[in-house]
Amino acid sequence: NKYFPLNKNVKVEIFSDSQTEIRNYLYQNNYTHPLSIFDN
């Protein structure tokens, strides 16, 4: 649980110029968790 807390949830933030490509690739690989894209 210290090394790999598999019972926890994580918030993942991705900073990249390829957001659209990453979003499409994730969904093509069966990733269906909610994704949000923010402008900053």
PDB file of all heavy atoms in Angstrom:
ATOM      1  N   ASN A   1       0.819  -1.213   0.000  1.00  0.00           N
ATOM      2  CA  ASN A   1       0.000   0.000   0.000  1.00  0.00           C
ATOM      3  C   ASN A   1       0.854   1.265   0.000  1.00  0.00           C
ATOM      4  O   ASN A   1       0.415   2.317  -0.464  1.00  0.00           O
ATOM      5  CB  ASN A   1      -0.924   0.004   1.214  1.00  0.00           C
ATOM      6  CG  ASN A   1      -2.000   1.059   1.112  1.00  0.00           C
ATOM      7  OD1 ASN A   1      -2.740   1.128   0.132  1.00  0.00           O
ATOM      8  ND2 ASN A   1      -2.100   1.907   2.119  1.00  0.00           N
ATOM      9  N   LYS A   2       2.077   1.174   0.511  1.00  0.00           N
ATOM     10  CA  LYS A   2       2.983   2.311   0.488  1.00  0.00           C
ATOM     11  C   LYS A   2       3.604   2.499  -0.896  1.00  0.00           C
ATOM     12  O   LYS A   2       3.746   3.621  -1.390  1.00  0.00           O
ATOM     13  CB  LYS A   2       4.092   2.131   1.525  1.00  0.00           C
ATOM     14  CG  LYS A   2       3.623   2.187   2.975  1.00  0.00           C
ATOM     15  CD  LYS A   2       3.124   3.588   3.325  1.00  0.00           C
ATOM     16  CE  LYS A   2       2.718   3.679   4.785  1.00  0.00           C
ATOM     17  NZ  LYS A   2       2.188   5.029   5.128  1.00  0.00           N
ATOM     18  N   TYR A   3       3.983   1.379  -1.507  1.00  0.00           N
ATOM     19  CA  TYR A   3       4.646   1.446  -2.808  1.00  0.00           C
ATOM     20  C   TYR A   3       3.647   1.593  -3.960  1.00  0.00           C
ATOM     21  O   TYR A   3       3.914   2.295  -4.934  1.00  0.00           O
ATOM     22  CB  TYR A   3       5.489   0.188  -3.039  1.00  0.00           C
ATOM     23  CG  TYR A   3       6.721   0.106  -2.174  1.00  0.00           C
ATOM     24  CD1 TYR A   3       7.262  -1.121  -1.833  1.00  0.00           C
ATOM     25  CD2 TYR A   3       7.347   1.248  -1.708  1.00  0.00           C
ATOM     26  CE1 TYR A   3       8.409  -1.208  -1.055  1.00  0.00           C
ATOM     27  CE2 TYR A   3       8.481   1.177  -0.916  1.00  0.00           C
ATOM     28  CZ  TYR A   3       9.005  -0.065  -0.593  1.00  0.00           C
ATOM     29  OH  TYR A   3      10.133  -0.143   0.183  1.00  0.00           O
ATOM     30  N   PHE A   4       2.534   0.901  -3.854  1.00  0.00           N
ATOM     31  CA  PHE A   4       1.545   0.903  -4.931  1.00  0.00           C
ATOM     32  C   PHE A   4       0.155   0.829  -4.309  1.00  0.00           C
ATOM     33  O   PHE A   4      -0.437  -0.245  -4.200  1.00  0.00           O
ATOM     34  CB  PHE A   4       1.764  -0.292  -5.872  1.00  0.00           C
ATOM     35  CG  PHE A   4       1.000  -0.205  -7.150  1.00  0.00           C
ATOM     36  CD1 PHE A   4       1.519   0.470  -8.238  1.00  0.00           C
ATOM     37  CD2 PHE A   4      -0.246  -0.800  -7.272  1.00  0.00           C
ATOM     38  CE1 PHE A   4       0.816   0.550  -9.435  1.00  0.00           C
ATOM     39  CE2 PHE A   4      -0.964  -0.717  -8.452  1.00  0.00           C
ATOM     40  CZ  PHE A   4      -0.425  -0.045  -9.538  1.00  0.00           C
ATOM     41  N   PRO A   5      -0.394   1.982  -3.885  1.00  0.00           N
ATOM     42  CA  PRO A   5      -1.703   2.000  -3.200  1.00  0.00           C
ATOM     43  C   PRO A   5      -2.852   1.738  -4.166  1.00  0.00           C
ATOM     44  O   PRO A   5      -3.599   2.640  -4.543  1.00  0.00           O
ATOM     45  CB  PRO A   5      -1.754   3.408  -2.618  1.00  0.00           C
ATOM     46  CG  PRO A   5      -0.923   4.230  -3.536  1.00  0.00           C
ATOM     47  CD  PRO A   5       0.185   3.335  -3.993  1.00  0.00           C
ATOM     48  N   LEU A   6      -3.001   0.481  -4.583  1.00  0.00           N
ATOM     49  CA  LEU A   6      -3.950   0.130  -5.623  1.00  0.00           C
ATOM     50  C   LEU A   6      -5.407   0.364  -5.228  1.00  0.00           C
ATOM     51  O   LEU A   6      -6.297   0.346  -6.076  1.00  0.00           O
ATOM     52  CB  LEU A   6      -3.752  -1.324  -6.061  1.00  0.00           C
ATOM     53  CG  LEU A   6      -4.077  -2.460  -5.090  1.00  0.00           C
ATOM     54  CD1 LEU A   6      -3.959  -3.779  -5.852  1.00  0.00           C
ATOM     55  CD2 LEU A   6      -3.130  -2.530  -3.915  1.00  0.00           C
ATOM     56  N   ASN A   7      -5.676   0.630  -3.942  1.00  0.00           N
ATOM     57  CA  ASN A   7      -7.044   0.900  -3.507  1.00  0.00           C
ATOM     58  C   ASN A   7      -7.378   2.390  -3.555  1.00  0.00           C
ATOM     59  O   ASN A   7      -8.477   2.788  -3.191  1.00  0.00           O
ATOM     60  CB  ASN A   7      -7.248   0.380  -2.081  1.00  0.00           C
ATOM     61  CG  ASN A   7      -6.333   1.059  -1.083  1.00  0.00           C
ATOM     62  OD1 ASN A   7      -5.166   1.262  -1.364  1.00  0.00           O
ATOM     63  ND2 ASN A   7      -6.854   1.407   0.067  1.00  0.00           N
ATOM     64  N   LYS A   8      -6.432   3.215  -4.016  1.00  0.00           N
ATOM     65  CA  LYS A   8      -6.639   4.659  -4.046  1.00  0.00           C
ATOM     66  C   LYS A   8      -7.057   5.123  -5.438  1.00  0.00           C
ATOM     67  O   LYS A   8      -6.828   4.454  -6.445  1.00  0.00           O
ATOM     68  CB  LYS A   8      -5.351   5.381  -3.641  1.00  0.00           C
ATOM     69  CG  LYS A   8      -4.903   5.135  -2.217  1.00  0.00           C
ATOM     70  CD  LYS A   8      -5.698   5.971  -1.238  1.00  0.00           C
ATOM     71  CE  LYS A   8      -5.103   5.892   0.163  1.00  0.00           C
ATOM     72  NZ  LYS A   8      -5.844   6.744   1.111  1.00  0.00           N
ATOM     73  N   ASN A   9      -7.660   6.308  -5.481  1.00  0.00           N
ATOM     74  CA  ASN A   9      -7.914   6.989  -6.743  1.00  0.00           C
ATOM     75  C   ASN A   9      -6.849   8.065  -6.930  1.00  0.00           C
ATOM     76  O   ASN A   9      -6.289   8.590  -5.964  1.00  0.00           O
ATOM     77  CB  ASN A   9      -9.296   7.649  -6.746  1.00  0.00           C
ATOM     78  CG  ASN A   9     -10.412   6.623  -6.863  1.00  0.00           C
ATOM     79  OD1 ASN A   9     -10.690   6.104  -7.941  1.00  0.00           O
ATOM     80  ND2 ASN A   9     -11.059   6.311  -5.744  1.00  0.00           N
ATOM     81  N   VAL A  10      -6.565   8.403  -8.184  1.00  0.00           N
ATOM     82  CA  VAL A  10      -5.581   9.434  -8.472  1.00  0.00           C
ATOM     83  C   VAL A  10      -6.149  10.439  -9.469  1.00  0.00           C
ATOM     84  O   VAL A  10      -6.913  10.077 -10.370  1.00  0.00           O
ATOM     85  CB  VAL A  10      -4.267   8.853  -9.041  1.00  0.00           C
ATOM     86  CG1 VAL A  10      -3.481   8.131  -7.997  1.00  0.00           C
ATOM     87  CG2 VAL A  10      -4.547   7.945 -10.226  1.00  0.00           C
ATOM     88  N   LYS A  11      -5.793  11.688  -9.252  1.00  0.00           N
ATOM     89  CA  LYS A  11      -6.104  12.728 -10.238  1.00  0.00           C
ATOM     90  C   LYS A  11      -4.874  12.902 -11.103  1.00  0.00           C
ATOM     91  O   LYS A  11      -3.778  13.142 -10.611  1.00  0.00           O
ATOM     92  CB  LYS A  11      -6.466  14.042  -9.547  1.00  0.00           C
ATOM     93  CG  LYS A  11      -6.792  15.166 -10.543  1.00  0.00           C
ATOM     94  CD  LYS A  11      -7.225  16.440  -9.829  1.00  0.00           C
ATOM     95  CE  LYS A  11      -6.052  17.094  -9.116  1.00  0.00           C
ATOM     96  NZ  LYS A  11      -6.414  18.431  -8.556  1.00  0.00           N
ATOM     97  N   VAL A  12      -5.061  12.785 -12.417  1.00  0.00           N
ATOM     98  CA  VAL A  12      -3.945  12.855 -13.358  1.00  0.00           C
ATOM     99  C   VAL A  12      -4.124  14.081 -14.238  1.00  0.00           C
ATOM    100  O   VAL A  12      -5.167  14.256 -14.880  1.00  0.00           O
ATOM    101  CB  VAL A  12      -3.859  11.587 -14.229  1.00  0.00           C
ATOM    102  CG1 VAL A  12      -2.620  11.643 -15.124  1.00  0.00           C
ATOM    103  CG2 VAL A  12      -3.817  10.339 -13.354  1.00  0.00           C
ATOM    104  N   GLU A  13      -3.103  14.931 -14.262  1.00  0.00           N
ATOM    105  CA  GLU A  13      -3.097  16.127 -15.101  1.00  0.00           C
ATOM    106  C   GLU A  13      -1.993  15.988 -16.142  1.00  0.00           C
ATOM    107  O   GLU A  13      -0.846  15.713 -15.792  1.00  0.00           O
ATOM    108  CB  GLU A  13      -2.882  17.379 -14.258  1.00  0.00           C
ATOM    109  CG  GLU A  13      -3.993  17.616 -13.239  1.00  0.00           C
ATOM    110  CD  GLU A  13      -3.665  18.707 -12.244  1.00  0.00           C
ATOM    111  OE1 GLU A  13      -2.551  18.662 -11.687  1.00  0.00           O
ATOM    112  OE2 GLU A  13      -4.511  19.584 -12.036  1.00  0.00           O
ATOM    113  N   ILE A  14      -2.358  16.157 -17.415  1.00  0.00           N
ATOM    114  CA  ILE A  14      -1.413  15.996 -18.515  1.00  0.00           C
ATOM    115  C   ILE A  14      -1.232  17.335 -19.205  1.00  0.00           C
ATOM    116  O   ILE A  14      -2.198  17.905 -19.736  1.00  0.00           O
ATOM    117  CB  ILE A  14      -1.881  14.938 -19.527  1.00  0.00           C
ATOM    118  CG1 ILE A  14      -2.138  13.599 -18.824  1.00  0.00           C
ATOM    119  CG2 ILE A  14      -0.859  14.764 -20.641  1.00  0.00           C
ATOM    120  CD1 ILE A  14      -3.572  13.282 -18.598  1.00  0.00           C
ATOM    121  N   PHE A  15      -0.006  17.836 -19.209  1.00  0.00           N
ATOM    122  CA  PHE A  15       0.317  19.096 -19.873  1.00  0.00           C
ATOM    123  C   PHE A  15       1.059  18.769 -21.171  1.00  0.00           C
ATOM    124  O   PHE A  15       2.200  18.305 -21.145  1.00  0.00           O
ATOM    125  CB  PHE A  15       1.179  19.976 -18.963  1.00  0.00           C
ATOM    126  CG  PHE A  15       0.490  20.359 -17.686  1.00  0.00           C
ATOM    127  CD1 PHE A  15       0.533  19.532 -16.574  1.00  0.00           C
ATOM    128  CD2 PHE A  15      -0.202  21.564 -17.589  1.00  0.00           C
ATOM    129  CE1 PHE A  15      -0.100  19.877 -15.387  1.00  0.00           C
ATOM    130  CE2 PHE A  15      -0.831  21.925 -16.405  1.00  0.00           C
ATOM    131  CZ  PHE A  15      -0.790  21.084 -15.313  1.00  0.00           C
ATOM    132  N   SER A  16       0.395  18.990 -22.297  1.00  0.00           N
ATOM    133  CA  SER A  16       0.959  18.617 -23.586  1.00  0.00           C
ATOM    134  C   SER A  16       0.310  19.444 -24.689  1.00  0.00           C
ATOM    135  O   SER A  16      -0.811  19.949 -24.536  1.00  0.00           O
ATOM    136  CB  SER A  16       0.735  17.120 -23.843  1.00  0.00           C
ATOM    137  OG  SER A  16       1.059  16.769 -25.163  1.00  0.00           O
ATOM    138  N   ASP A  17       1.016  19.558 -25.803  1.00  0.00           N
ATOM    139  CA  ASP A  17       0.451  20.218 -26.969  1.00  0.00           C
ATOM    140  C   ASP A  17      -0.308  19.234 -27.862  1.00  0.00           C
ATOM    141  O   ASP A  17      -0.774  19.601 -28.937  1.00  0.00           O
ATOM    142  CB  ASP A  17       1.567  20.895 -27.789  1.00  0.00           C
ATOM    143  CG  ASP A  17       2.201  22.060 -27.039  1.00  0.00           C
ATOM    144  OD1 ASP A  17       1.479  22.717 -26.262  1.00  0.00           O
ATOM    145  OD2 ASP A  17       3.410  22.293 -27.225  1.00  0.00           O
ATOM    146  N   SER A  18      -0.391  17.983 -27.415  1.00  0.00           N
ATOM    147  CA  SER A  18      -1.061  16.941 -28.218  1.00  0.00           C
ATOM    148  C   SER A  18      -2.290  16.399 -27.490  1.00  0.00           C
ATOM    149  O   SER A  18      -2.528  15.187 -27.462  1.00  0.00           O
ATOM    150  CB  SER A  18      -0.069  15.805 -28.517  1.00  0.00           C
ATOM    151  OG  SER A  18       1.105  16.273 -29.117  1.00  0.00           O
ATOM    152  N   GLN A  19      -3.060  17.287 -26.878  1.00  0.00           N
ATOM    153  CA  GLN A  19      -4.203  16.866 -26.086  1.00  0.00           C
ATOM    154  C   GLN A  19      -5.225  16.086 -26.899  1.00  0.00           C
ATOM    155  O   GLN A  19      -5.757  15.062 -26.444  1.00  0.00           O
ATOM    156  CB  GLN A  19      -4.872  18.079 -25.432  1.00  0.00           C
ATOM    157  CG  GLN A  19      -4.013  18.814 -24.427  1.00  0.00           C
ATOM    158  CD  GLN A  19      -3.728  17.975 -23.191  1.00  0.00           C
ATOM    159  OE1 GLN A  19      -4.410  16.994 -22.935  1.00  0.00           O
ATOM    160  NE2 GLN A  19      -2.718  18.346 -22.430  1.00  0.00           N
ATOM    161  N   THR A  20      -5.533  16.544 -28.084  1.00  0.00           N
ATOM    162  CA  THR A  20      -6.541  15.870 -28.909  1.00  0.00           C
ATOM    163  C   THR A  20      -6.086  14.469 -29.284  1.00  0.00           C
ATOM    164  O   THR A  20      -6.856  13.497 -29.208  1.00  0.00           O
ATOM    165  CB  THR A  20      -6.824  16.679 -30.185  1.00  0.00           C
ATOM    166  OG1 THR A  20      -7.276  17.990 -29.822  1.00  0.00           O
ATOM    167  CG2 THR A  20      -7.903  15.990 -31.026  1.00  0.00           C
ATOM    168  N   GLU A  21      -4.808  14.335 -29.678  1.00  0.00           N
ATOM    169  CA  GLU A  21      -4.279  13.021 -30.035  1.00  0.00           C
ATOM    170  C   GLU A  21      -4.281  12.078 -28.831  1.00  0.00           C
ATOM    171  O   GLU A  21      -4.610  10.901 -28.958  1.00  0.00           O
ATOM    172  CB  GLU A  21      -2.852  13.160 -30.594  1.00  0.00           C
ATOM    173  CG  GLU A  21      -2.760  13.850 -31.932  1.00  0.00           C
ATOM    174  CD  GLU A  21      -2.722  15.364 -31.807  1.00  0.00           C
ATOM    175  OE1 GLU A  21      -2.967  15.885 -30.687  1.00  0.00           O
ATOM    176  OE2 GLU A  21      -2.463  16.022 -32.830  1.00  0.00           O
ATOM    177  N   ILE A  22      -3.915  12.608 -27.663  1.00  0.00           N
ATOM    178  CA  ILE A  22      -3.922  11.791 -26.450  1.00  0.00           C
ATOM    179  C   ILE A  22      -5.335  11.354 -26.117  1.00  0.00           C
ATOM    180  O   ILE A  22      -5.589  10.180 -25.790  1.00  0.00           O
ATOM    181  CB  ILE A  22      -3.304  12.572 -25.267  1.00  0.00           C
ATOM    182  CG1 ILE A  22      -1.809  12.791 -25.494  1.00  0.00           C
ATOM    183  CG2 ILE A  22      -3.538  11.841 -23.954  1.00  0.00           C
ATOM    184  CD1 ILE A  22      -1.143  13.666 -24.457  1.00  0.00           C
ATOM    185  N   ARG A  23      -6.277  12.280 -26.197  1.00  0.00           N
ATOM    186  CA  ARG A  23      -7.687  11.971 -25.894  1.00  0.00           C
ATOM    187  C   ARG A  23      -8.204  10.878 -26.813  1.00  0.00           C
ATOM    188  O   ARG A  23      -8.821   9.901 -26.364  1.00  0.00           O
ATOM    189  CB  ARG A  23      -8.510  13.244 -26.036  1.00  0.00           C
ATOM    190  CG  ARG A  23      -9.997  13.065 -25.778  1.00  0.00           C
ATOM    191  CD  ARG A  23     -10.762  12.971 -27.074  1.00  0.00           C
ATOM    192  NE  ARG A  23     -12.190  12.864 -26.830  1.00  0.00           N
ATOM    193  CZ  ARG A  23     -13.042  12.340 -27.710  1.00  0.00           C
ATOM    194  NH1 ARG A  23     -12.604  11.856 -28.858  1.00  0.00           N
ATOM    195  NH2 ARG A  23     -14.331  12.306 -27.421  1.00  0.00           N
ATOM    196  N   ASN A  24      -7.954  10.986 -28.117  1.00  0.00           N
ATOM    197  CA  ASN A  24      -8.437   9.985 -29.079  1.00  0.00           C
ATOM    198  C   ASN A  24      -7.766   8.633 -28.852  1.00  0.00           C
ATOM    199  O   ASN A  24      -8.412   7.579 -28.927  1.00  0.00           O
ATOM    200  CB  ASN A  24      -8.179  10.463 -30.515  1.00  0.00           C
ATOM    201  CG  ASN A  24      -9.009  11.679 -30.877  1.00  0.00           C
ATOM    202  OD1 ASN A  24     -10.054  11.941 -30.265  1.00  0.00           O
ATOM    203  ND2 ASN A  24      -8.568  12.435 -31.875  1.00  0.00           N
ATOM    204  N   TYR A  25      -6.473   8.657 -28.545  1.00  0.00           N
ATOM    205  CA  TYR A  25      -5.742   7.414 -28.338  1.00  0.00           C
ATOM    206  C   TYR A  25      -6.248   6.682 -27.098  1.00  0.00           C
ATOM    207  O   TYR A  25      -6.382   5.447 -27.104  1.00  0.00           O
ATOM    208  CB  TYR A  25      -4.249   7.713 -28.205  1.00  0.00           C
ATOM    209  CG  TYR A  25      -3.367   6.485 -28.162  1.00  0.00           C
ATOM    210  CD1 TYR A  25      -3.004   5.820 -29.331  1.00  0.00           C
ATOM    211  CD2 TYR A  25      -2.896   5.979 -26.954  1.00  0.00           C
ATOM    212  CE1 TYR A  25      -2.207   4.698 -29.297  1.00  0.00           C
ATOM    213  CE2 TYR A  25      -2.088   4.863 -26.906  1.00  0.00           C
ATOM    214  CZ  TYR A  25      -1.747   4.230 -28.086  1.00  0.00           C
ATOM    215  OH  TYR A  25      -0.956   3.102 -28.041  1.00  0.00           O
ATOM    216  N   LEU A  26      -6.527   7.422 -26.049  1.00  0.00           N
ATOM    217  CA  LEU A  26      -7.020   6.797 -24.822  1.00  0.00           C
ATOM    218  C   LEU A  26      -8.358   6.118 -25.056  1.00  0.00           C
ATOM    219  O   LEU A  26      -8.586   4.978 -24.623  1.00  0.00           O
ATOM    220  CB  LEU A  26      -7.137   7.840 -23.707  1.00  0.00           C
ATOM    221  CG  LEU A  26      -5.832   8.398 -23.144  1.00  0.00           C
ATOM    222  CD1 LEU A  26      -6.115   9.439 -22.080  1.00  0.00           C
ATOM    223  CD2 LEU A  26      -4.965   7.289 -22.572  1.00  0.00           C
ATOM    224  N   TYR A  27      -9.268   6.786 -25.722  1.00  0.00           N
ATOM    225  CA  TYR A  27     -10.580   6.195 -25.972  1.00  0.00           C
ATOM    226  C   TYR A  27     -10.491   4.992 -26.908  1.00  0.00           C
ATOM    227  O   TYR A  27     -11.260   4.041 -26.783  1.00  0.00           O
ATOM    228  CB  TYR A  27     -11.532   7.243 -26.533  1.00  0.00           C
ATOM    229  CG  TYR A  27     -12.092   8.166 -25.477  1.00  0.00           C
ATOM    230  CD1 TYR A  27     -12.278   9.524 -25.731  1.00  0.00           C
ATOM    231  CD2 TYR A  27     -12.425   7.686 -24.211  1.00  0.00           C
ATOM    232  CE1 TYR A  27     -12.787  10.376 -24.753  1.00  0.00           C
ATOM    233  CE2 TYR A  27     -12.928   8.519 -23.237  1.00  0.00           C
ATOM    234  CZ  TYR A  27     -13.112   9.865 -23.512  1.00  0.00           C
ATOM    235  OH  TYR A  27     -13.614  10.698 -22.540  1.00  0.00           O
ATOM    236  N   GLN A  28      -9.537   5.034 -27.840  1.00  0.00           N
ATOM    237  CA  GLN A  28      -9.344   3.889 -28.723  1.00  0.00           C
ATOM    238  C   GLN A  28      -8.804   2.683 -27.965  1.00  0.00           C
ATOM    239  O   GLN A  28      -8.936   1.557 -28.419  1.00  0.00           O
ATOM    240  CB  GLN A  28      -8.385   4.259 -29.855  1.00  0.00           C
ATOM    241  CG  GLN A  28      -8.979   5.229 -30.873  1.00  0.00           C
ATOM    242  CD  GLN A  28      -7.943   5.754 -31.833  1.00  0.00           C
ATOM    243  OE1 GLN A  28      -6.765   5.355 -31.796  1.00  0.00           O
ATOM    244  NE2 GLN A  28      -8.355   6.661 -32.704  1.00  0.00           N
ATOM    245  N   ASN A  29      -8.193   2.929 -26.805  1.00  0.00           N
ATOM    246  CA  ASN A  29      -7.648   1.851 -25.976  1.00  0.00           C
ATOM    247  C   ASN A  29      -8.531   1.560 -24.759  1.00  0.00           C
ATOM    248  O   ASN A  29      -8.044   1.191 -23.693  1.00  0.00           O
ATOM    249  CB  ASN A  29      -6.227   2.197 -25.531  1.00  0.00           C
ATOM    250  CG  ASN A  29      -5.205   1.998 -26.625  1.00  0.00           C
ATOM    251  OD1 ASN A  29      -4.635   0.922 -26.764  1.00  0.00           O
ATOM    252  ND2 ASN A  29      -4.983   3.025 -27.428  1.00  0.00           N
ATOM    253  N   ASN A  30      -9.832   1.766 -24.939  1.00  0.00           N
ATOM    254  CA  ASN A  30     -10.825   1.380 -23.926  1.00  0.00           C
ATOM    255  C   ASN A  30     -10.745   2.179 -22.644  1.00  0.00           C
ATOM    256  O   ASN A  30     -11.134   1.686 -21.578  1.00  0.00           O
ATOM    257  CB  ASN A  30     -10.716  -0.115 -23.581  1.00  0.00           C
ATOM    258  CG  ASN A  30     -11.332  -0.982 -24.660  1.00  0.00           C
ATOM    259  OD1 ASN A  30     -11.935  -0.463 -25.597  1.00  0.00           O
ATOM    260  ND2 ASN A  30     -11.181  -2.281 -24.540  1.00  0.00           N
ATOM    261  N   TYR A  31     -10.259   3.402 -22.700  1.00  0.00           N
ATOM    262  CA  TYR A  31     -10.257   4.248 -21.517  1.00  0.00           C
ATOM    263  C   TYR A  31     -11.534   5.079 -21.512  1.00  0.00           C
ATOM    264  O   TYR A  31     -11.738   5.920 -22.396  1.00  0.00           O
ATOM    265  CB  TYR A  31      -9.035   5.171 -21.506  1.00  0.00           C
ATOM    266  CG  TYR A  31      -8.898   5.960 -20.229  1.00  0.00           C
ATOM    267  CD1 TYR A  31      -8.317   5.394 -19.105  1.00  0.00           C
ATOM    268  CD2 TYR A  31      -9.382   7.264 -20.141  1.00  0.00           C
ATOM    269  CE1 TYR A  31      -8.195   6.101 -17.926  1.00  0.00           C
ATOM    270  CE2 TYR A  31      -9.268   7.989 -18.962  1.00  0.00           C
ATOM    271  CZ  TYR A  31      -8.671   7.395 -17.857  1.00  0.00           C
ATOM    272  OH  TYR A  31      -8.569   8.101 -16.687  1.00  0.00           O
ATOM    273  N   THR A  32     -12.412   4.834 -20.533  1.00  0.00           N
ATOM    274  CA  THR A  32     -13.704   5.519 -20.521  1.00  0.00           C
ATOM    275  C   THR A  32     -13.946   6.329 -19.258  1.00  0.00           C
ATOM    276  O   THR A  32     -15.066   6.720 -18.973  1.00  0.00           O
ATOM    277  CB  THR A  32     -14.862   4.501 -20.683  1.00  0.00           C
ATOM    278  OG1 THR A  32     -14.796   3.539 -19.624  1.00  0.00           O
ATOM    279  CG2 THR A  32     -14.775   3.793 -22.021  1.00  0.00           C
ATOM    280  N   HIS A  33     -12.888   6.562 -18.481  1.00  0.00           N
ATOM    281  CA  HIS A  33     -13.030   7.482 -17.359  1.00  0.00           C
ATOM    282  C   HIS A  33     -13.227   8.891 -17.908  1.00  0.00           C
ATOM    283  O   HIS A  33     -12.825   9.198 -19.040  1.00  0.00           O
ATOM    284  CB  HIS A  33     -11.797   7.431 -16.454  1.00  0.00           C
ATOM    285  CG  HIS A  33     -11.723   6.195 -15.610  1.00  0.00           C
ATOM    286  ND1 HIS A  33     -12.710   5.850 -14.716  1.00  0.00           N
ATOM    287  CD2 HIS A  33     -10.793   5.218 -15.534  1.00  0.00           C
ATOM    288  CE1 HIS A  33     -12.385   4.726 -14.115  1.00  0.00           C
ATOM    289  NE2 HIS A  33     -11.226   4.320 -14.600  1.00  0.00           N
ATOM    290  N   PRO A  34     -13.823   9.777 -17.126  1.00  0.00           N
ATOM    291  CA  PRO A  34     -14.060  11.134 -17.617  1.00  0.00           C
ATOM    292  C   PRO A  34     -12.754  11.867 -17.915  1.00  0.00           C
ATOM    293  O   PRO A  34     -11.788  11.767 -17.158  1.00  0.00           O
ATOM    294  CB  PRO A  34     -14.820  11.800 -16.457  1.00  0.00           C
ATOM    295  CG  PRO A  34     -14.445  11.000 -15.250  1.00  0.00           C
ATOM    296  CD  PRO A  34     -14.299   9.596 -15.736  1.00  0.00           C
ATOM    297  N   LEU A  35     -12.733  12.571 -19.035  1.00  0.00           N
ATOM    298  CA  LEU A  35     -11.599  13.392 -19.427  1.00  0.00           C
ATOM    299  C   LEU A  35     -12.071  14.829 -19.580  1.00  0.00           C
ATOM    300  O   LEU A  35     -13.117  15.081 -20.192  1.00  0.00           O
ATOM    301  CB  LEU A  35     -10.998  12.917 -20.751  1.00  0.00           C
ATOM    302  CG  LEU A  35     -10.309  11.544 -20.776  1.00  0.00           C
ATOM    303  CD1 LEU A  35      -9.994  11.160 -22.215  1.00  0.00           C
ATOM    304  CD2 LEU A  35      -9.035  11.576 -19.955  1.00  0.00           C
ATOM    305  N   SER A  36     -11.315  15.759 -19.044  1.00  0.00           N
ATOM    306  CA  SER A  36     -11.644  17.177 -19.181  1.00  0.00           C
ATOM    307  C   SER A  36     -10.427  17.902 -19.735  1.00  0.00           C
ATOM    308  O   SER A  36      -9.299  17.667 -19.289  1.00  0.00           O
ATOM    309  CB  SER A  36     -12.048  17.793 -17.833  1.00  0.00           C
ATOM    310  OG  SER A  36     -13.190  17.136 -17.312  1.00  0.00           O
ATOM    311  N   ILE A  37     -10.661  18.779 -20.724  1.00  0.00           N
ATOM    312  CA  ILE A  37      -9.584  19.551 -21.314  1.00  0.00           C
ATOM    313  C   ILE A  37      -9.794  21.019 -20.965  1.00  0.00           C
ATOM    314  O   ILE A  37     -10.863  21.589 -21.232  1.00  0.00           O
ATOM    315  CB  ILE A  37      -9.531  19.365 -22.838  1.00  0.00           C
ATOM    316  CG1 ILE A  37      -9.268  17.886 -23.177  1.00  0.00           C
ATOM    317  CG2 ILE A  37      -8.432  20.240 -23.454  1.00  0.00           C
ATOM    318  CD1 ILE A  37      -9.250  17.593 -24.658  1.00  0.00           C
ATOM    319  N   PHE A  38      -8.776  21.616 -20.347  1.00  0.00           N
ATOM    320  CA  PHE A  38      -8.864  23.002 -19.893  1.00  0.00           C
ATOM    321  C   PHE A  38      -7.899  23.876 -20.682  1.00  0.00           C
ATOM    322  O   PHE A  38      -6.794  23.452 -21.028  1.00  0.00           O
ATOM    323  CB  PHE A  38      -8.533  23.104 -18.399  1.00  0.00           C
ATOM    324  CG  PHE A  38      -9.440  22.303 -17.503  1.00  0.00           C
ATOM    325  CD1 PHE A  38      -9.099  21.009 -17.112  1.00  0.00           C
ATOM    326  CD2 PHE A  38     -10.627  22.846 -17.044  1.00  0.00           C
ATOM    327  CE1 PHE A  38      -9.928  20.275 -16.280  1.00  0.00           C
ATOM    328  CE2 PHE A  38     -11.460  22.118 -16.211  1.00  0.00           C
ATOM    329  CZ  PHE A  38     -11.114  20.838 -15.837  1.00  0.00           C
ATOM    330  N   ASP A  39      -8.333  25.102 -20.935  1.00  0.00           N
ATOM    331  CA  ASP A  39      -7.443  26.125 -21.492  1.00  0.00           C
ATOM    332  C   ASP A  39      -6.786  26.876 -20.337  1.00  0.00           C
ATOM    333  O   ASP A  39      -7.454  27.246 -19.374  1.00  0.00           O
ATOM    334  CB  ASP A  39      -8.230  27.113 -22.362  1.00  0.00           C
ATOM    335  CG  ASP A  39      -8.743  26.470 -23.639  1.00  0.00           C
ATOM    336  OD1 ASP A  39      -7.995  25.682 -24.240  1.00  0.00           O
ATOM    337  OD2 ASP A  39      -9.900  26.744 -24.017  1.00  0.00           O
ATOM    338  N   ASN A  40      -5.478  27.073 -20.423  1.00  0.00           N
ATOM    339  CA  ASN A  40      -4.796  27.855 -19.396  1.00  0.00           C
ATOM    340  C   ASN A  40      -3.716  28.706 -20.049  1.00  0.00           C
ATOM    341  O   ASN A  40      -3.293  28.441 -21.183  1.00  0.00           O
ATOM    342  CB  ASN A  40      -4.221  26.959 -18.295  1.00  0.00           C
ATOM    343  CG  ASN A  40      -3.266  25.919 -18.838  1.00  0.00           C
ATOM    344  OD1 ASN A  40      -2.141  26.247 -19.193  1.00  0.00           O
ATOM    345  ND2 ASN A  40      -3.710  24.666 -18.911  1.00  0.00           N
TER     346      ASN A  40
END
